[in-house]
C-alpha atoms as a PDB file:
ATOM      1  CA  MET A   1      14.120 -12.982   2.218  1.00  0.00           C
ATOM      2  CA  LYS A   2      12.400 -16.141   1.048  1.00  0.00           C
ATOM      3  CA  VAL A   3       9.054 -17.279   2.456  1.00  0.00           C
ATOM      4  CA  THR A   4       7.522 -20.743   2.338  1.00  0.00           C
ATOM      5  CA  VAL A   5       4.288 -22.023   3.835  1.00  0.00           C
ATOM      6  CA  ASP A   6       3.033 -25.458   4.848  1.00  0.00           C
ATOM      7  CA  THR A   7      -0.646 -25.442   3.970  1.00  0.00           C
ATOM      8  CA  GLY A   8      -1.043 -28.886   5.532  1.00  0.00           C
ATOM      9  CA  SER A   9      -0.095 -27.493   8.947  1.00  0.00           C
ATOM     10  CA  CYS A  10      -2.127 -24.284   8.647  1.00  0.00           C
ATOM     11  CA  VAL A  11      -5.011 -23.952  11.121  1.00  0.00           C
ATOM     12  CA  SER A  12      -6.628 -21.007   9.297  1.00  0.00           C
ATOM     13  CA  SER A  13      -6.191 -18.455  12.082  1.00  0.00           C
ATOM     14  CA  GLY A  14      -5.601 -15.643   9.583  1.00  0.00           C
ATOM     15  CA  GLN A  15      -2.992 -13.827  11.672  1.00  0.00           C
ATOM     16  CA  CYS A  16      -0.570 -13.814   8.743  1.00  0.00           C
ATOM     17  CA  VAL A  17      -3.097 -12.062   6.510  1.00  0.00           C
ATOM     18  CA  LEU A  18      -3.759  -9.410   9.135  1.00  0.00           C
ATOM     19  CA  LEU A  19      -0.052  -8.772   9.632  1.00  0.00           C
ATOM     20  CA  ALA A  20       1.217  -8.986   6.034  1.00  0.00           C
ATOM     21  CA  PRO A  21      -1.641  -8.766   3.523  1.00  0.00           C
ATOM     22  CA  GLU A  22       0.651  -8.218   0.519  1.00  0.00           C
ATOM     23  CA  THR A  23       2.380 -11.533   1.221  1.00  0.00           C
ATOM     24  CA  PHE A  24      -0.389 -13.780   2.553  1.00  0.00           C
ATOM     25  CA  ASP A  25      -4.034 -14.470   1.783  1.00  0.00           C
ATOM     26  CA  GLN A  26      -6.484 -17.183   2.765  1.00  0.00           C
ATOM     27  CA  ASN A  27      -8.077 -19.851   0.620  1.00  0.00           C
ATOM     28  CA  GLU A  28     -11.768 -19.050   0.214  1.00  0.00           C
ATOM     29  CA  ASP A  29     -12.797 -22.695   0.645  1.00  0.00           C
ATOM     30  CA  ASP A  30     -10.999 -23.702   3.832  1.00  0.00           C
ATOM     31  CA  GLY A  31      -9.210 -20.588   5.099  1.00  0.00           C
ATOM     32  CA  THR A  32      -5.713 -22.012   4.780  1.00  0.00           C
ATOM     33  CA  VAL A  33      -2.801 -19.746   3.971  1.00  0.00           C
ATOM     34  CA  VAL A  34      -2.081 -18.742   0.383  1.00  0.00           C
ATOM     35  CA  LEU A  35       1.387 -17.357  -0.316  1.00  0.00           C
ATOM     36  CA  LEU A  36       1.120 -14.309  -2.583  1.00  0.00           C
ATOM     37  CA  ALA A  37       4.809 -13.354  -2.586  1.00  0.00           C
ATOM     38  CA  ALA A  38       7.620 -15.814  -1.901  1.00  0.00           C
ATOM     39  CA  GLU A  39       9.957 -12.802  -1.850  1.00  0.00           C
ATOM     40  CA  PRO A  40       8.039 -10.013  -0.102  1.00  0.00           C
ATOM     41  CA  PRO A  41       8.826  -6.342  -0.695  1.00  0.00           C
ATOM     42  CA  ALA A  42      11.255  -4.663   1.696  1.00  0.00           C
ATOM     43  CA  GLY A  43       8.484  -2.663   3.344  1.00  0.00           C
ATOM     44  CA  GLU A  44       6.637  -5.828   4.396  1.00  0.00           C
ATOM     45  CA  GLN A  45       9.569  -7.942   5.600  1.00  0.00           C
ATOM     46  CA  ASP A  46       9.247  -7.028   9.280  1.00  0.00           C
ATOM     47  CA  ALA A  47       5.541  -7.883   9.165  1.00  0.00           C
ATOM     48  CA  VAL A  48       6.330 -11.221   7.499  1.00  0.00           C
ATOM     49  CA  ARG A  49       8.811 -12.063  10.259  1.00  0.00           C
ATOM     50  CA  GLN A  50       6.138 -11.197  12.824  1.00  0.00           C
ATOM     51  CA  ALA A  51       3.652 -13.417  10.976  1.00  0.00           C
ATOM     52  CA  GLU A  52       6.128 -16.303  11.178  1.00  0.00           C
ATOM     53  CA  LEU A  53       6.467 -15.817  14.948  1.00  0.00           C
ATOM     54  CA  THR A  54       2.720 -15.370  15.465  1.00  0.00           C
ATOM     55  CA  CYS A  55       1.518 -18.345  13.412  1.00  0.00           C
ATOM     56  CA  PRO A  56      -0.018 -20.813  15.912  1.00  0.00           C
ATOM     57  CA  ALA A  57       0.757 -23.776  13.637  1.00  0.00           C
ATOM     58  CA  ALA A  58       4.314 -22.739  12.700  1.00  0.00           C
ATOM     59  CA  ALA A  59       3.222 -23.054   9.072  1.00  0.00           C
ATOM     60  CA  ILE A  60       5.340 -20.108   7.875  1.00  0.00           C
ATOM     61  CA  ARG A  61       9.087 -20.306   7.337  1.00  0.00           C
ATOM     62  CA  VAL A  62      11.289 -17.318   6.572  1.00  0.00           C
ATOM     63  CA  SER A  63      14.872 -17.717   5.387  1.00  0.00           C
ATOM     64  CA  GLY A  64      17.498 -15.198   4.401  1.00  0.00           C
ATOM     65  CA  SER A  65      17.522 -11.529   5.209  1.00  0.00           C
END
């Protein structure tokens, strides 16, 4: 699994951080998404997929398995 984020599209909702905190964080200045792990651990992959679906700005992209 490979994860990418579009910080320009991010609306700082923080749902990704709540769902997958080992993969996502938020910028302290503006709250936009910070990608911590472009290849998340196996135990967090389902949560990362959920974060992609939940993101109101569609700023998260997941590819691969």
